[in-house]
């Protein structure tokens, strides 16, 4: 699958990107990066919270441990979202 995508890069660069400035390409790439990162992180947080609530409903006696693990998982998921924000900001401000 990756080879098919990589094969299209010269075609797309000649057709689509020929008349666009580098700053505009960086802004579009930053928008795509932050939207994909935020979308993935929001789905992951929702799934983690859903499974934690289900586990807490099944075994209420371990709810404290589940809540601690959920908060740790959300911290790691949120760090991925922050990394995508950093990448998007680097794309915007490196091509001025």
N, C-alpha and C. Protein backbone atom coordinates (compact mmCIF):
# COMPACT_ATOMS: atom_id res chain seq x y z
N UNK A 1 0.82 -1.19 0.00
CA UNK A 1 0.00 0.00 0.00
C UNK A 1 0.87 1.26 0.00
N UNK A 2 1.95 1.22 0.79
CA UNK A 2 2.82 2.39 0.85
C UNK A 2 3.51 2.67 -0.48
N UNK A 3 3.85 1.62 -1.20
CA UNK A 3 4.52 1.83 -2.48
C UNK A 3 3.59 2.48 -3.49
N UNK A 4 2.30 2.16 -3.39
CA UNK A 4 1.33 2.79 -4.29
C UNK A 4 1.22 4.27 -3.98
N UNK A 5 1.18 4.61 -2.70
CA UNK A 5 1.11 6.02 -2.31
C UNK A 5 2.38 6.77 -2.69
N UNK A 6 3.52 6.13 -2.50
CA UNK A 6 4.79 6.78 -2.84
C UNK A 6 4.94 6.96 -4.35
N UNK A 7 4.33 6.09 -5.12
CA UNK A 7 4.41 6.21 -6.57
C UNK A 7 3.65 7.42 -7.08
N UNK A 8 2.65 7.89 -6.34
CA UNK A 8 1.84 9.02 -6.77
C UNK A 8 2.47 10.37 -6.42
N UNK A 9 3.50 10.40 -5.62
CA UNK A 9 4.08 11.68 -5.18
C UNK A 9 4.58 12.52 -6.36
N UNK A 10 5.33 11.98 -7.30
CA UNK A 10 5.76 12.84 -8.42
C UNK A 10 4.59 13.35 -9.26
N UNK A 11 3.57 12.54 -9.40
CA UNK A 11 2.42 12.95 -10.19
C UNK A 11 1.69 14.09 -9.49
N UNK A 12 1.45 13.94 -8.21
CA UNK A 12 0.75 14.97 -7.45
C UNK A 12 1.57 16.25 -7.35
N UNK A 13 2.86 16.12 -7.22
CA UNK A 13 3.69 17.32 -7.11
C UNK A 13 3.70 18.11 -8.42
N UNK A 14 3.57 17.43 -9.53
CA UNK A 14 3.56 18.14 -10.80
C UNK A 14 2.20 18.74 -11.13
N UNK A 15 1.13 18.10 -10.69
CA UNK A 15 -0.20 18.55 -11.06
C UNK A 15 -0.78 19.52 -10.05
N UNK A 16 -0.77 19.15 -8.80
CA UNK A 16 -1.48 19.92 -7.80
C UNK A 16 -0.62 21.02 -7.21
N UNK A 17 0.63 20.75 -6.94
CA UNK A 17 1.46 21.66 -6.17
C UNK A 17 2.25 22.62 -7.07
N UNK A 18 2.09 22.55 -8.35
CA UNK A 18 2.90 23.37 -9.25
C UNK A 18 2.70 24.86 -9.04
N UNK A 19 1.47 25.32 -8.84
CA UNK A 19 1.22 26.74 -8.73
C UNK A 19 1.04 27.25 -7.32
N UNK A 20 1.27 26.42 -6.31
CA UNK A 20 1.04 26.81 -4.93
C UNK A 20 2.37 27.14 -4.26
N UNK A 21 2.38 28.18 -3.45
CA UNK A 21 3.60 28.55 -2.74
C UNK A 21 3.89 27.57 -1.61
N UNK A 22 5.14 27.57 -1.15
CA UNK A 22 5.56 26.66 -0.09
C UNK A 22 4.82 26.96 1.21
N UNK A 23 4.57 28.23 1.50
CA UNK A 23 3.87 28.59 2.73
C UNK A 23 2.44 28.05 2.72
N UNK A 24 1.79 28.07 1.59
CA UNK A 24 0.43 27.55 1.50
C UNK A 24 0.42 26.03 1.66
N UNK A 25 1.39 25.37 1.10
CA UNK A 25 1.48 23.91 1.25
C UNK A 25 1.71 23.55 2.71
N UNK A 26 2.58 24.32 3.39
CA UNK A 26 2.84 24.06 4.81
C UNK A 26 1.58 24.30 5.65
N UNK A 27 0.80 25.32 5.30
CA UNK A 27 -0.43 25.58 6.05
C UNK A 27 -1.45 24.48 5.84
N UNK A 28 -1.56 23.98 4.62
CA UNK A 28 -2.48 22.87 4.34
C UNK A 28 -2.02 21.61 5.07
N UNK A 29 -0.72 21.34 5.04
CA UNK A 29 -0.19 20.17 5.73
C UNK A 29 -0.39 20.29 7.24
N UNK A 30 -0.24 21.49 7.79
CA UNK A 30 -0.46 21.69 9.22
C UNK A 30 -1.92 21.45 9.58
N UNK A 31 -2.83 21.93 8.74
CA UNK A 31 -4.24 21.69 8.99
C UNK A 31 -4.60 20.22 8.94
N UNK A 32 -4.06 19.51 7.98
CA UNK A 32 -4.31 18.07 7.88
C UNK A 32 -3.71 17.34 9.08
N UNK A 33 -2.50 17.74 9.48
CA UNK A 33 -1.83 17.07 10.61
C UNK A 33 -2.61 17.26 11.90
N UNK A 34 -3.03 18.48 12.19
CA UNK A 34 -3.72 18.71 13.46
C UNK A 34 -5.11 18.10 13.45
N UNK A 35 -5.78 18.09 12.29
CA UNK A 35 -7.12 17.49 12.25
C UNK A 35 -7.05 15.98 12.40
N UNK A 36 -6.09 15.35 11.76
CA UNK A 36 -5.94 13.89 11.91
C UNK A 36 -5.53 13.52 13.33
N UNK A 37 -4.62 14.29 13.90
CA UNK A 37 -4.19 14.03 15.27
C UNK A 37 -5.30 14.21 16.27
N UNK A 38 -6.07 15.28 16.13
CA UNK A 38 -7.18 15.53 17.05
C UNK A 38 -8.28 14.49 16.88
N UNK A 39 -8.54 14.08 15.66
CA UNK A 39 -9.56 13.07 15.41
C UNK A 39 -9.17 11.73 16.03
N UNK A 40 -7.94 11.33 15.82
CA UNK A 40 -7.47 10.07 16.39
C UNK A 40 -7.45 10.08 17.90
N UNK A 41 -7.00 11.20 18.47
CA UNK A 41 -6.96 11.30 19.93
C UNK A 41 -8.35 11.32 20.55
N UNK A 42 -9.28 11.99 19.89
CA UNK A 42 -10.64 12.03 20.44
C UNK A 42 -11.29 10.65 20.39
N UNK A 43 -11.07 9.91 19.32
CA UNK A 43 -11.60 8.55 19.26
C UNK A 43 -10.96 7.67 20.34
N UNK A 44 -9.65 7.81 20.54
CA UNK A 44 -8.96 7.00 21.54
C UNK A 44 -9.43 7.34 22.94
N UNK A 45 -9.63 8.62 23.23
CA UNK A 45 -10.11 9.00 24.56
C UNK A 45 -11.53 8.49 24.79
N UNK A 46 -12.36 8.59 23.78
CA UNK A 46 -13.72 8.08 23.91
C UNK A 46 -13.77 6.59 24.14
N UNK A 47 -12.93 5.87 23.41
CA UNK A 47 -12.90 4.42 23.58
C UNK A 47 -12.35 4.04 24.95
N UNK A 48 -11.32 4.74 25.41
CA UNK A 48 -10.76 4.45 26.74
C UNK A 48 -11.78 4.74 27.83
N UNK A 49 -12.48 5.87 27.73
CA UNK A 49 -13.48 6.21 28.74
C UNK A 49 -14.65 5.22 28.70
N UNK A 50 -15.05 4.81 27.51
CA UNK A 50 -16.15 3.86 27.38
C UNK A 50 -15.81 2.53 28.03
N UNK A 51 -14.61 2.04 27.77
CA UNK A 51 -14.21 0.76 28.35
C UNK A 51 -14.01 0.88 29.86
N UNK A 52 -13.54 2.03 30.33
CA UNK A 52 -13.38 2.21 31.77
C UNK A 52 -14.73 2.24 32.47
N UNK A 53 -15.71 2.89 31.87
CA UNK A 53 -17.05 2.92 32.47
C UNK A 53 -17.67 1.52 32.46
N UNK A 54 -17.48 0.78 31.38
CA UNK A 54 -17.99 -0.59 31.33
C UNK A 54 -17.33 -1.46 32.40
N UNK A 55 -16.02 -1.32 32.56
CA UNK A 55 -15.31 -2.12 33.57
C UNK A 55 -15.74 -1.71 34.97
N UNK A 56 -15.98 -0.42 35.18
CA UNK A 56 -16.44 0.03 36.49
C UNK A 56 -17.84 -0.45 36.80
N UNK A 57 -18.68 -0.57 35.77
CA UNK A 57 -20.03 -1.07 35.98
C UNK A 57 -20.02 -2.57 36.29
N UNK A 58 -19.08 -3.29 35.70
CA UNK A 58 -19.00 -4.73 35.95
C UNK A 58 -18.40 -5.04 37.32
N UNK A 59 -17.36 -4.28 37.70
CA UNK A 59 -16.69 -4.53 38.97
C UNK A 59 -16.51 -3.20 39.72
N UNK A 60 -17.50 -2.78 40.46
CA UNK A 60 -17.41 -1.49 41.15
C UNK A 60 -16.34 -1.45 42.24
N UNK A 61 -15.91 -2.60 42.72
CA UNK A 61 -14.91 -2.61 43.80
C UNK A 61 -13.52 -2.20 43.33
N UNK A 62 -13.24 -2.27 42.04
CA UNK A 62 -11.92 -1.86 41.53
C UNK A 62 -11.99 -0.54 40.76
N UNK A 63 -13.02 0.24 41.04
CA UNK A 63 -13.22 1.49 40.31
C UNK A 63 -12.06 2.48 40.51
N UNK A 64 -11.48 2.50 41.69
CA UNK A 64 -10.35 3.41 41.96
C UNK A 64 -9.14 3.08 41.09
N UNK A 65 -8.82 1.81 40.94
CA UNK A 65 -7.70 1.40 40.10
C UNK A 65 -7.98 1.68 38.63
N UNK A 66 -9.22 1.44 38.23
CA UNK A 66 -9.59 1.70 36.84
C UNK A 66 -9.49 3.19 36.53
N UNK A 67 -9.94 4.01 37.48
CA UNK A 67 -9.88 5.46 37.27
C UNK A 67 -8.44 5.94 37.17
N UNK A 68 -7.54 5.38 37.98
CA UNK A 68 -6.13 5.76 37.91
C UNK A 68 -5.53 5.37 36.57
N UNK A 69 -5.84 4.16 36.11
CA UNK A 69 -5.33 3.72 34.81
C UNK A 69 -5.92 4.54 33.67
N UNK A 70 -7.19 4.92 33.80
CA UNK A 70 -7.83 5.74 32.77
C UNK A 70 -7.15 7.11 32.68
N UNK A 71 -6.88 7.72 33.80
CA UNK A 71 -6.22 9.03 33.79
C UNK A 71 -4.81 8.95 33.20
N UNK A 72 -4.09 7.87 33.51
CA UNK A 72 -2.76 7.70 32.92
C UNK A 72 -2.86 7.51 31.41
N UNK A 73 -3.84 6.74 30.96
CA UNK A 73 -4.02 6.54 29.52
C UNK A 73 -4.40 7.84 28.82
N UNK A 74 -5.27 8.63 29.45
CA UNK A 74 -5.68 9.90 28.84
C UNK A 74 -4.51 10.86 28.76
N UNK A 75 -3.61 10.83 29.75
CA UNK A 75 -2.42 11.69 29.69
C UNK A 75 -1.56 11.32 28.49
N UNK A 76 -1.35 10.04 28.26
CA UNK A 76 -0.54 9.62 27.12
C UNK A 76 -1.22 9.93 25.79
N UNK A 77 -2.52 9.76 25.73
CA UNK A 77 -3.26 10.09 24.51
C UNK A 77 -3.19 11.58 24.23
N UNK A 78 -3.34 12.39 25.28
CA UNK A 78 -3.28 13.83 25.12
C UNK A 78 -1.89 14.29 24.69
N UNK A 79 -0.85 13.59 25.14
CA UNK A 79 0.50 13.96 24.71
C UNK A 79 0.67 13.76 23.21
N UNK A 80 0.02 12.75 22.64
CA UNK A 80 0.06 12.58 21.19
C UNK A 80 -0.60 13.75 20.47
N UNK A 81 -1.70 14.24 21.03
CA UNK A 81 -2.37 15.39 20.44
C UNK A 81 -1.49 16.64 20.52
N UNK A 82 -0.78 16.79 21.62
CA UNK A 82 0.13 17.93 21.76
C UNK A 82 1.28 17.82 20.78
N UNK A 83 1.78 16.61 20.55
CA UNK A 83 2.85 16.42 19.56
C UNK A 83 2.39 16.81 18.16
N UNK A 84 1.15 16.47 17.81
CA UNK A 84 0.66 16.87 16.49
C UNK A 84 0.50 18.38 16.40
N UNK A 85 0.14 19.02 17.51
CA UNK A 85 0.07 20.48 17.52
C UNK A 85 1.45 21.09 17.32
N UNK A 86 2.46 20.51 17.95
CA UNK A 86 3.83 21.00 17.78
C UNK A 86 4.29 20.84 16.34
N UNK A 87 3.98 19.71 15.74
CA UNK A 87 4.35 19.49 14.34
C UNK A 87 3.65 20.49 13.44
N UNK A 88 2.37 20.74 13.70
CA UNK A 88 1.63 21.71 12.89
C UNK A 88 2.21 23.11 13.04
N UNK A 89 2.55 23.50 14.26
CA UNK A 89 3.14 24.82 14.47
C UNK A 89 4.52 24.92 13.82
N UNK A 90 5.29 23.85 13.86
CA UNK A 90 6.59 23.86 13.18
C UNK A 90 6.42 24.01 11.68
N UNK A 91 5.43 23.33 11.12
CA UNK A 91 5.17 23.47 9.69
C UNK A 91 4.79 24.90 9.33
N UNK A 92 3.99 25.52 10.16
CA UNK A 92 3.54 26.89 9.86
C UNK A 92 4.69 27.88 9.98
N UNK A 93 5.45 27.81 11.08
CA UNK A 93 6.44 28.84 11.36
C UNK A 93 7.81 28.60 10.72
N UNK A 94 8.07 27.40 10.22
CA UNK A 94 9.36 27.16 9.55
C UNK A 94 9.34 27.66 8.10
N UNK A 95 8.17 27.76 7.51
CA UNK A 95 8.08 28.20 6.12
C UNK A 95 7.46 29.58 6.06
N UNK A 96 8.21 30.58 6.48
CA UNK A 96 7.71 31.97 6.46
C UNK A 96 8.31 32.70 5.30
